Protein backbone atom coordinates (compact mmCIF):
# COMPACT_ATOMS: atom_id res chain seq x y z
CA MET A 1 -26.01 22.25 22.95
CA LYS A 2 -23.89 19.14 22.62
CA ARG A 3 -20.28 19.49 21.47
CA ILE A 4 -19.40 17.73 18.22
CA GLU A 5 -15.63 18.12 18.29
CA CYS A 6 -12.87 18.28 20.84
CA PRO A 7 -9.47 20.02 20.61
CA PHE A 8 -7.73 16.89 21.95
CA GLU A 9 -9.43 14.49 19.53
CA ALA A 10 -6.52 14.49 17.07
CA GLU A 11 -4.02 13.63 19.81
CA VAL A 12 -6.23 10.83 21.14
CA LEU A 13 -6.67 9.44 17.61
CA ALA A 14 -2.92 9.57 16.98
CA ALA A 15 -2.24 7.72 20.23
CA ALA A 16 -4.87 5.08 19.42
CA VAL A 17 -3.62 4.58 15.86
CA GLU A 18 0.01 4.22 16.96
CA SER A 19 -1.06 1.63 19.56
CA ARG A 20 0.26 3.83 22.34
CA TRP A 21 -3.21 3.85 23.85
CA SER A 22 -2.76 0.83 26.04
CA ALA A 23 0.97 1.42 26.54
CA GLY A 24 2.47 4.58 27.95
CA ILE A 25 0.58 7.70 26.91
CA ASP A 26 0.61 10.57 29.30
CA ALA A 27 -1.85 10.49 32.17
CA GLN A 28 -3.43 13.82 31.31
CA LEU A 29 -4.52 12.61 27.84
CA ARG A 30 -5.83 9.33 29.28
CA GLU A 31 -7.78 11.23 31.95
CA HIS A 32 -9.22 13.57 29.31
CA ALA A 33 -10.33 10.62 27.15
CA ALA A 34 -12.02 9.05 30.16
CA THR A 35 -14.11 12.19 30.77
CA CYS A 36 -14.71 13.36 27.17
CA ALA A 37 -17.40 11.37 25.33
CA ILE A 38 -16.11 12.43 21.90
CA CYS A 39 -12.53 11.30 22.54
CA ALA A 40 -13.63 8.10 24.27
CA GLU A 41 -15.80 7.14 21.29
CA ALA A 42 -13.07 8.04 18.80
CA ALA A 43 -10.51 5.93 20.70
CA LEU A 44 -12.95 3.01 20.90
CA VAL A 45 -13.65 3.10 17.16
CA VAL A 46 -9.98 3.39 16.22
CA SER A 47 -9.06 0.55 18.57
CA ALA A 48 -11.75 -1.68 17.08
CA LEU A 49 -10.64 -0.87 13.53
CA SER A 50 -6.99 -1.46 14.42
CA ASP A 51 -7.84 -4.84 15.96
CA ALA A 52 -9.84 -5.80 12.88
CA ARG A 53 -6.96 -4.70 10.64
CA ASP A 54 -4.47 -6.75 12.65
CA GLN A 55 -6.69 -9.83 12.46
CA MET A 56 -7.26 -9.47 8.71
CA HIS A 57 -3.67 -8.62 7.78
CA PRO A 58 -2.28 -12.19 7.59
CA SER A 59 -5.18 -13.45 5.46
CA VAL A 60 -5.18 -10.60 2.93
CA THR A 61 -3.62 -11.41 -0.42
CA VAL A 62 -3.14 -8.59 -2.86
CA PRO A 63 -3.26 -9.78 -6.48
CA ASP A 64 -0.39 -9.16 -8.84
CA SER A 65 -0.64 -5.77 -10.58
CA ALA A 66 -0.22 -7.38 -14.01
CA ARG A 67 -3.22 -9.62 -13.34
CA VAL A 68 -5.35 -6.66 -12.18
CA TRP A 69 -4.35 -4.73 -15.32
CA ARG A 70 -5.14 -7.69 -17.59
CA VAL A 71 -8.56 -8.26 -16.01
CA SER A 72 -9.43 -4.56 -16.28
CA GLN A 73 -8.35 -4.52 -19.93
CA ILE A 74 -10.49 -7.59 -20.67
CA ARG A 75 -13.47 -5.99 -18.95
CA ALA A 76 -13.01 -2.70 -20.82
CA ARG A 77 -12.73 -4.56 -24.14
CA ARG A 78 -15.88 -6.59 -23.40
CA GLU A 79 -17.83 -3.44 -22.47
CA ALA A 80 -16.63 -1.70 -25.66
CA ILE A 81 -17.76 -4.65 -27.77
CA GLU A 82 -21.18 -4.63 -26.11
CA ALA A 83 -21.52 -0.86 -26.63
CA ALA A 84 -20.54 -1.19 -30.29
CA GLY A 85 -22.99 -4.06 -30.78
CA ARG A 86 -26.08 -2.20 -29.52
CA PRO A 87 -26.70 -0.13 -32.69
CA ILE A 88 -26.10 -3.22 -34.82
CA THR A 89 -28.66 -5.15 -32.78
CA ALA A 90 -31.17 -2.30 -33.16
CA ALA A 91 -30.62 -2.28 -36.93
CA HIS A 92 -31.13 -6.05 -37.06
CA LEU A 93 -34.38 -5.75 -35.11
CA ALA A 94 -35.63 -2.98 -37.42
CA ALA A 95 -34.75 -5.09 -40.47
CA LEU A 96 -36.53 -8.09 -38.95
CA ALA A 97 -39.65 -6.00 -38.27
CA CYS A 98 -39.62 -4.63 -41.82
CA SER A 99 -39.19 -8.04 -43.38
CA ALA A 100 -41.97 -9.50 -41.20
CA GLY A 101 -44.28 -6.67 -42.26
CA LEU A 102 -43.39 -7.15 -45.93
CA MET A 103 -43.95 -10.91 -45.71
CA GLY A 104 -47.30 -10.35 -43.99
CA ALA A 105 -48.37 -7.89 -46.67
CA CYS A 106 -47.37 -10.30 -49.44
CA PHE A 107 -49.17 -13.17 -47.71
CA GLY A 108 -52.32 -11.10 -47.19
CA ALA A 109 -52.34 -9.89 -50.79
CA THR A 110 -51.83 -13.33 -52.38
CA SER A 111 -53.81 -15.66 -50.11
CA ALA A 112 -57.46 -16.09 -51.18
CA TRP A 113 -58.55 -18.03 -48.08
CA PHE A 114 -56.96 -15.41 -45.79
CA GLN A 115 -58.83 -12.61 -47.59
CA SER A 116 -62.13 -14.50 -47.30
CA ALA A 117 -61.46 -15.08 -43.57
CA LEU A 118 -60.85 -11.36 -43.11
CA ARG A 119 -64.13 -10.54 -44.91
CA TRP A 120 -66.00 -12.99 -42.67
CA LEU A 121 -64.34 -11.49 -39.58
CA ALA A 122 -65.22 -7.96 -40.69
CA SER A 123 -68.89 -8.89 -40.91
CA SER A 124 -68.98 -10.37 -37.39
CA PRO A 125 -70.58 -8.40 -34.53
CA VAL A 126 -67.40 -8.62 -32.43
CA VAL A 127 -65.50 -6.51 -34.94
CA ALA A 128 -68.30 -3.96 -34.99
CA LEU A 129 -68.11 -3.73 -31.20
CA VAL A 130 -64.31 -3.31 -31.32
CA ALA A 131 -64.67 -0.64 -34.03
CA GLN A 132 -66.97 1.35 -31.75
CA HIS A 133 -64.43 1.21 -28.92
CA VAL A 134 -61.19 1.73 -30.81
CA ALA A 135 -59.68 4.01 -28.16
CA VAL A 136 -60.20 1.48 -25.35
CA VAL A 137 -58.82 -1.39 -27.44
CA ALA A 138 -55.82 0.69 -28.52
CA GLY A 139 -55.14 1.72 -24.91
CA ALA A 140 -55.34 -1.88 -23.70
CA GLY A 141 -53.05 -2.99 -26.51
CA ALA A 142 -50.57 -0.24 -25.67
CA LEU A 143 -50.56 -1.29 -22.02
CA LEU A 144 -49.96 -4.90 -23.02
CA VAL A 145 -46.87 -3.76 -24.89
CA LEU A 146 -45.61 -0.89 -22.73
CA ILE A 147 -45.74 -2.51 -19.29
CA PRO A 148 -43.49 -5.48 -20.19
CA ALA A 149 -41.19 -3.16 -22.15
CA ALA A 150 -40.87 -0.81 -19.16
CA ALA A 151 -40.18 -3.74 -16.84
CA TYR A 152 -37.54 -5.08 -19.25
CA PHE A 153 -35.73 -1.74 -19.47
CA ALA A 154 -35.90 -1.27 -15.69
CA ILE A 155 -34.30 -4.67 -15.17
CA VAL A 156 -31.66 -4.14 -17.86
CA ARG A 157 -30.51 -0.85 -16.27
CA GLU A 158 -29.71 -2.57 -13.00
C-alpha cells in the first residue's frame, strides 16, 4: 500500500515556505526530501506557489475598504429591491391576465360578427375533429406552454 503522509512533511513544508529550501537547511532533511516522494512533491508545489506569489505581489492592488463596503451595500440594496419587486410583478401579471380575460369576455358578448364567426367555426369539420381528440390537443397545448416556461425558469436560476 502506498503511503499518503510522511512524518517529516510539516518540516519540509515549513522550510519551503520560509524560503530556506534553497538556502541552508540541514542535509538530513534535504536528503529525506530527495528520497521521499510525498515530501518532494510537497516542496515542489510550495516552491511553485511561492514563486507565483512573489511574481504577483507587485501587481496586486487591494481596493480601499470603504469602497468594498460601499459596493457591497449597493449590491445588497439592489438585491433587496429586486426581491421586494417580485411579488408586485406577480400581482401586476395576475391583474393583466384578469383584465385581458374580462375584456375578451366583454368583446365576445357584445360583438355580433365575432359570435357569427364562432358559430361558423363550430359547424366546421375541423372543430368536430378537435372535439373528438380533446386530450391530445390539450396535451400539445400544455407542452407548447410548459416547455418554454421551464426553459425560462432554468435560465433565470443561473
